[in-house]
Amino acid sequence: MCKAKVSGHKTYYISSSAGDDENDGLCPETPFRSLRRASELLLQPGESLLFKSGDVWTGESLYPKGSGTEKLPITVSSYGEGKRPRIAPGIGKKIYGIRIVNADGYRVTNIEICDCYGGLVVWTENTYRHRIFAAVSGRACRRICCTARVSAFAAPTHMGDVICSPI
């Protein structure tokens, strides 16, 4: 049985090889299986989604919900030993690897994304974004897209000072 973190911030575990979407996802021994299940969570500042190293998710995309803060970002990363976890949605099946919509405060590290049009996509509507920092470690993400969606019903969106940097 896992013990809750002292900080009170939840960490969710996802494993395509050993998980079950009926699990609570709160321990490495009781991980979720699918990106669909992980995408159902409403993440809070300081919480984490950790993917099992060496596992692969094919034909799936991650659509995390919720926002972190500068001091308490939402972390999407890995746990365990081995190769980076791989999200491979498949060209022609899914467009995105990870798509973050109208949310702030994410830190994405140690994840490999391949076989899709947009590896890590940040989609905003009716917002003003500036000083955005995307940290990319190694081959973790082949492409970062920062996309502004403007519709007839939304105010224009402005994004500036977008920085993509290796760490």
Protein backbone atom coordinates (compact mmCIF):
# COMPACT_ATOMS: atom_id res chain seq x y z
CA MET A 1 0.00 0.00 0.00
CA CYS A 2 1.35 3.44 -0.94
CA LYS A 3 1.64 6.22 1.54
CA ALA A 4 0.35 9.68 0.58
CA LYS A 5 3.02 12.29 -0.01
CA VAL A 6 3.63 14.64 2.89
CA SER A 7 3.21 17.65 0.54
CA GLY A 8 -0.41 16.70 -0.16
CA HIS A 9 0.13 16.93 -3.94
CA LYS A 10 -0.96 13.80 -5.75
CA THR A 11 1.29 11.85 -8.08
CA TYR A 12 -0.47 9.66 -10.65
CA TYR A 13 1.30 6.68 -12.25
CA ILE A 14 0.56 5.32 -15.72
CA SER A 15 1.89 2.04 -17.14
CA SER A 16 0.84 0.52 -20.46
CA SER A 17 2.43 -2.81 -19.47
CA ALA A 18 1.24 -3.23 -15.87
CA GLY A 19 -1.62 -0.76 -15.42
CA ASP A 20 -5.38 -1.05 -15.16
CA ASP A 21 -7.76 1.88 -15.61
CA GLU A 22 -9.79 0.58 -12.66
CA ASN A 23 -6.78 1.25 -10.37
CA ASP A 24 -6.49 4.48 -8.37
CA GLY A 25 -3.23 5.40 -10.15
CA LEU A 26 -1.70 6.74 -6.93
CA CYS A 27 1.13 4.18 -6.56
CA PRO A 28 3.65 2.58 -8.91
CA GLU A 29 2.00 -0.71 -7.91
CA THR A 30 -1.51 0.49 -8.91
CA PRO A 31 -1.01 2.57 -12.09
CA PHE A 32 -3.57 3.54 -14.70
CA ARG A 33 -3.06 1.89 -18.11
CA SER A 34 -4.30 4.35 -20.73
CA LEU A 35 -3.69 7.95 -21.73
CA ARG A 36 -7.47 8.25 -21.99
CA ARG A 37 -7.79 7.56 -18.24
CA ALA A 38 -4.94 9.96 -17.40
CA SER A 39 -6.67 12.63 -19.55
CA GLU A 40 -9.81 12.38 -17.40
CA LEU A 41 -8.01 13.76 -14.33
CA LEU A 42 -8.40 17.41 -13.34
CA LEU A 43 -4.84 18.12 -12.22
CA GLN A 44 -4.06 20.66 -9.50
CA PRO A 45 -0.92 22.78 -8.96
CA GLY A 46 2.01 20.64 -7.80
CA GLU A 47 0.57 17.35 -9.02
CA SER A 48 2.37 14.93 -11.34
CA LEU A 49 1.60 12.44 -14.12
CA LEU A 50 4.43 9.91 -14.26
CA PHE A 51 4.75 7.36 -17.08
CA LYS A 52 6.60 4.08 -16.58
CA SER A 53 10.01 4.04 -18.23
CA GLY A 54 10.23 1.58 -21.11
CA ASP A 55 6.46 1.56 -21.73
CA VAL A 56 4.87 2.58 -25.04
CA TRP A 57 1.41 4.01 -25.75
CA THR A 58 0.38 3.60 -29.39
CA GLY A 59 -2.76 5.00 -30.98
CA GLU A 60 -3.35 7.27 -27.97
CA SER A 61 -2.84 10.93 -27.11
CA LEU A 62 -2.64 12.72 -23.76
CA TYR A 63 -4.95 15.71 -23.14
CA PRO A 64 -4.15 16.84 -19.59
CA LYS A 65 -6.60 19.15 -17.80
CA GLY A 66 -5.93 21.69 -15.07
CA SER A 67 -3.31 24.36 -14.51
CA GLY A 68 -0.19 24.59 -12.41
CA THR A 69 1.60 27.70 -11.24
CA GLU A 70 5.13 29.00 -11.57
CA LYS A 71 5.98 27.71 -8.08
CA LEU A 72 3.83 24.56 -8.32
CA PRO A 73 3.84 23.33 -11.91
CA ILE A 74 2.04 20.21 -13.08
CA THR A 75 4.78 17.74 -13.98
CA VAL A 76 4.52 15.21 -16.81
CA SER A 77 7.53 12.91 -16.63
CA SER A 78 8.69 9.34 -16.06
CA TYR A 79 9.36 6.90 -13.24
CA GLY A 80 11.48 3.78 -13.00
CA GLU A 81 14.55 2.64 -14.90
CA GLY A 82 14.96 2.17 -18.64
CA LYS A 83 14.16 4.00 -21.84
CA ARG A 84 11.98 7.07 -21.80
CA PRO A 85 8.28 6.30 -21.94
CA ARG A 86 7.08 6.70 -25.53
CA ILE A 87 3.83 8.23 -26.74
CA ALA A 88 3.32 7.18 -30.38
CA PRO A 89 -0.19 8.21 -31.49
CA GLY A 90 0.37 7.18 -35.11
CA ILE A 91 0.34 9.42 -38.17
CA GLY A 92 -3.17 9.49 -39.59
CA LYS A 93 -4.71 8.14 -36.36
CA LYS A 94 -4.12 10.97 -33.89
CA ILE A 95 -2.70 14.42 -34.52
CA TYR A 96 -1.12 15.17 -31.15
CA GLY A 97 1.17 13.43 -28.69
CA ILE A 98 0.36 15.75 -25.78
CA ARG A 99 -2.13 18.58 -26.23
CA ILE A 100 -2.56 21.17 -23.47
CA VAL A 101 -5.60 23.42 -23.98
CA ASN A 102 -6.19 26.75 -22.19
CA ALA A 103 -3.96 25.79 -19.27
CA ASP A 104 -0.76 27.04 -17.66
CA GLY A 105 2.10 25.79 -15.58
CA TYR A 106 3.24 22.49 -17.10
CA ARG A 107 6.70 20.96 -16.92
CA VAL A 108 7.20 18.11 -19.41
CA THR A 109 10.44 16.10 -19.15
CA ASN A 110 11.84 12.65 -19.96
CA ILE A 111 9.08 11.68 -22.39
CA GLU A 112 9.59 10.58 -26.00
CA ILE A 113 6.89 11.59 -28.47
CA CYS A 114 6.89 10.28 -32.03
CA ASP A 115 4.68 9.33 -34.98
CA CYS A 116 2.38 12.37 -34.88
CA TYR A 117 2.05 15.81 -36.45
CA GLY A 118 2.31 17.80 -33.22
CA GLY A 119 4.42 16.32 -30.46
CA LEU A 120 3.64 18.74 -27.64
CA VAL A 121 0.93 21.26 -28.52
CA VAL A 122 -0.14 24.17 -26.33
CA TRP A 123 -3.48 25.55 -27.54
CA THR A 124 -4.82 28.80 -26.14
CA GLU A 125 -7.93 30.86 -26.81
CA ASN A 126 -8.75 34.39 -25.69
CA THR A 127 -5.53 34.75 -23.71
CA TYR A 128 -2.38 36.84 -23.59
CA ARG A 129 0.67 34.64 -23.07
CA HIS A 130 4.24 35.82 -22.68
CA ARG A 131 7.53 34.54 -21.31
CA ILE A 132 6.55 30.95 -22.05
CA PHE A 133 9.31 28.43 -21.43
CA ALA A 134 9.30 24.92 -22.82
CA ALA A 135 12.05 22.68 -21.53
CA VAL A 136 13.03 19.87 -23.86
CA SER A 137 15.44 17.22 -22.66
CA GLY A 138 17.23 15.11 -25.24
CA ARG A 139 14.85 13.54 -27.77
CA ALA A 140 11.91 14.08 -25.44
CA CYS A 141 9.92 16.01 -28.01
CA ARG A 142 10.52 16.27 -31.72
CA ARG A 143 8.24 19.25 -32.16
CA ILE A 144 6.69 21.85 -29.90
CA CYS A 145 3.79 23.82 -31.31
CA CYS A 146 2.32 26.83 -29.60
CA THR A 147 -0.97 27.44 -31.36
CA ALA A 148 -3.39 30.31 -30.90
CA ARG A 149 -6.99 29.58 -31.84
CA VAL A 150 -9.11 32.53 -32.81
CA SER A 151 -12.81 32.15 -33.58
CA ALA A 152 -15.59 34.59 -34.41
CA PHE A 153 -16.71 34.37 -30.77
CA ALA A 154 -13.34 34.81 -29.12
CA ALA A 155 -11.11 37.79 -28.57
CA PRO A 156 -7.78 37.66 -30.41
CA THR A 157 -5.00 35.68 -28.80
CA HIS A 158 -1.42 36.91 -28.54
CA MET A 159 1.58 34.75 -27.74
CA GLY A 160 5.04 36.20 -27.48
CA ASP A 161 8.41 35.42 -25.97
CA VAL A 162 8.06 31.67 -26.54
CA ILE A 163 11.33 29.98 -25.61
CA CYS A 164 12.20 26.39 -26.46
CA SER A 165 15.45 25.36 -24.84
CA PRO A 166 17.36 22.12 -24.23
CA ILE A 167 17.93 21.29 -20.57
